[in-house]
């Protein structure tokens, strides 16, 4: 599906149709995590904020504990 951005005040918005929101189990109140690799935009509905925070904390712990090994793996 190809979408175009819509002008919304001084910003641009991406309209997500209802069938896609239903597929994701999301609605107007659902927070989304937005990430990018510099080329691709990734929108992920946040279903359980506590789980997301726990994952981020675990990821930060691993990153701080094994920075050299992770850098080597990334090469």
C-alpha atoms as a PDB file:
ATOM      1  CA  UNK A   1       0.000   0.000   0.000  1.00  0.00           C
ATOM      2  CA  UNK A   2       1.396   3.377  -0.953  1.00  0.00           C
ATOM      3  CA  UNK A   3       0.336   6.381   1.143  1.00  0.00           C
ATOM      4  CA  UNK A   4       0.997  10.094   0.918  1.00  0.00           C
ATOM      5  CA  UNK A   5       1.370  12.487   3.799  1.00  0.00           C
ATOM      6  CA  UNK A   6      -1.385  14.989   4.563  1.00  0.00           C
ATOM      7  CA  UNK A   7      -0.746  18.574   5.689  1.00  0.00           C
ATOM      8  CA  UNK A   8      -1.849  19.045   9.309  1.00  0.00           C
ATOM      9  CA  UNK A   9      -1.095  22.579  10.534  1.00  0.00           C
ATOM     10  CA  UNK A  10       2.672  23.089  10.281  1.00  0.00           C
ATOM     11  CA  UNK A  11       3.252  19.323  10.250  1.00  0.00           C
ATOM     12  CA  UNK A  12       2.537  16.354   8.040  1.00  0.00           C
ATOM     13  CA  UNK A  13       0.333  13.422   9.054  1.00  0.00           C
ATOM     14  CA  UNK A  14      -0.013   9.845   7.893  1.00  0.00           C
ATOM     15  CA  UNK A  15      -3.631   8.662   7.949  1.00  0.00           C
ATOM     16  CA  UNK A  16      -4.031   5.013   8.945  1.00  0.00           C
ATOM     17  CA  UNK A  17      -7.304   3.481   7.783  1.00  0.00           C
ATOM     18  CA  UNK A  18      -9.615   1.701  10.193  1.00  0.00           C
ATOM     19  CA  UNK A  19      -9.071  -1.840   8.786  1.00  0.00           C
ATOM     20  CA  UNK A  20      -5.335  -1.545   9.420  1.00  0.00           C
ATOM     21  CA  UNK A  21      -5.921  -0.201  12.930  1.00  0.00           C
ATOM     22  CA  UNK A  22      -8.294  -3.111  13.609  1.00  0.00           C
ATOM     23  CA  UNK A  23      -5.690  -5.558  12.319  1.00  0.00           C
ATOM     24  CA  UNK A  24      -3.181  -4.066  14.776  1.00  0.00           C
ATOM     25  CA  UNK A  25      -5.713  -3.935  17.604  1.00  0.00           C
ATOM     26  CA  UNK A  26      -5.170  -0.169  17.818  1.00  0.00           C
ATOM     27  CA  UNK A  27      -7.439   2.850  18.060  1.00  0.00           C
ATOM     28  CA  UNK A  28      -7.152   6.618  18.526  1.00  0.00           C
ATOM     29  CA  UNK A  29      -5.947   6.131  22.120  1.00  0.00           C
ATOM     30  CA  UNK A  30      -3.218   3.593  21.337  1.00  0.00           C
ATOM     31  CA  UNK A  31       0.322   4.956  21.749  1.00  0.00           C
ATOM     32  CA  UNK A  32       2.767   4.060  18.972  1.00  0.00           C
ATOM     33  CA  UNK A  33       6.507   3.560  19.234  1.00  0.00           C
ATOM     34  CA  UNK A  34       8.183   5.226  16.245  1.00  0.00           C
ATOM     35  CA  UNK A  35      11.649   4.067  15.196  1.00  0.00           C
ATOM     36  CA  UNK A  36      13.798   4.416  12.110  1.00  0.00           C
ATOM     37  CA  UNK A  37      17.024   3.109  10.696  1.00  0.00           C
ATOM     38  CA  UNK A  38      17.437   6.275   8.620  1.00  0.00           C
ATOM     39  CA  UNK A  39      15.730   4.686   5.611  1.00  0.00           C
ATOM     40  CA  UNK A  40      12.569   3.081   6.971  1.00  0.00           C
ATOM     41  CA  UNK A  41       9.962   4.347   9.427  1.00  0.00           C
ATOM     42  CA  UNK A  42       8.552   1.703  11.778  1.00  0.00           C
ATOM     43  CA  UNK A  43       5.328   2.285  13.731  1.00  0.00           C
ATOM     44  CA  UNK A  44       4.558  -0.248  16.455  1.00  0.00           C
ATOM     45  CA  UNK A  45       1.515  -0.054  18.711  1.00  0.00           C
ATOM     46  CA  UNK A  46       2.471  -0.116  22.377  1.00  0.00           C
ATOM     47  CA  UNK A  47       0.231  -2.746  23.941  1.00  0.00           C
ATOM     48  CA  UNK A  48       1.836  -3.002  27.360  1.00  0.00           C
ATOM     49  CA  UNK A  49       3.920  -0.030  28.454  1.00  0.00           C
ATOM     50  CA  UNK A  50       5.380  -1.933  31.445  1.00  0.00           C
ATOM     51  CA  UNK A  51       6.610  -4.715  29.180  1.00  0.00           C
ATOM     52  CA  UNK A  52       8.186  -2.191  26.831  1.00  0.00           C
ATOM     53  CA  UNK A  53       9.962  -0.468  29.709  1.00  0.00           C
ATOM     54  CA  UNK A  54      11.208  -3.800  31.058  1.00  0.00           C
ATOM     55  CA  UNK A  55      12.542  -4.719  27.607  1.00  0.00           C
ATOM     56  CA  UNK A  56      14.280  -1.345  27.246  1.00  0.00           C
ATOM     57  CA  UNK A  57      15.872  -1.737  30.689  1.00  0.00           C
ATOM     58  CA  UNK A  58      17.106  -5.235  29.794  1.00  0.00           C
ATOM     59  CA  UNK A  59      18.439  -3.988  26.463  1.00  0.00           C
ATOM     60  CA  UNK A  60      20.278  -1.107  28.148  1.00  0.00           C
ATOM     61  CA  UNK A  61      21.791  -3.554  30.648  1.00  0.00           C
ATOM     62  CA  UNK A  62      23.042  -5.857  27.878  1.00  0.00           C
ATOM     63  CA  UNK A  63      24.387  -2.907  25.861  1.00  0.00           C
ATOM     64  CA  UNK A  64      26.310  -1.546  28.846  1.00  0.00           C
ATOM     65  CA  UNK A  65      27.578  -4.975  29.879  1.00  0.00           C
ATOM     66  CA  UNK A  66      28.806  -6.185  26.468  1.00  0.00           C
ATOM     67  CA  UNK A  67      29.577  -3.111  24.332  1.00  0.00           C
ATOM     68  CA  UNK A  68      32.721  -4.540  22.712  1.00  0.00           C
ATOM     69  CA  UNK A  69      31.089  -7.836  21.762  1.00  0.00           C
ATOM     70  CA  UNK A  70      28.019  -6.096  20.337  1.00  0.00           C
ATOM     71  CA  UNK A  71      30.171  -3.698  18.338  1.00  0.00           C
ATOM     72  CA  UNK A  72      32.148  -6.625  16.949  1.00  0.00           C
ATOM     73  CA  UNK A  73      28.932  -8.414  15.968  1.00  0.00           C
ATOM     74  CA  UNK A  74      27.686  -5.283  14.206  1.00  0.00           C
ATOM     75  CA  UNK A  75      30.775  -5.079  11.974  1.00  0.00           C
END
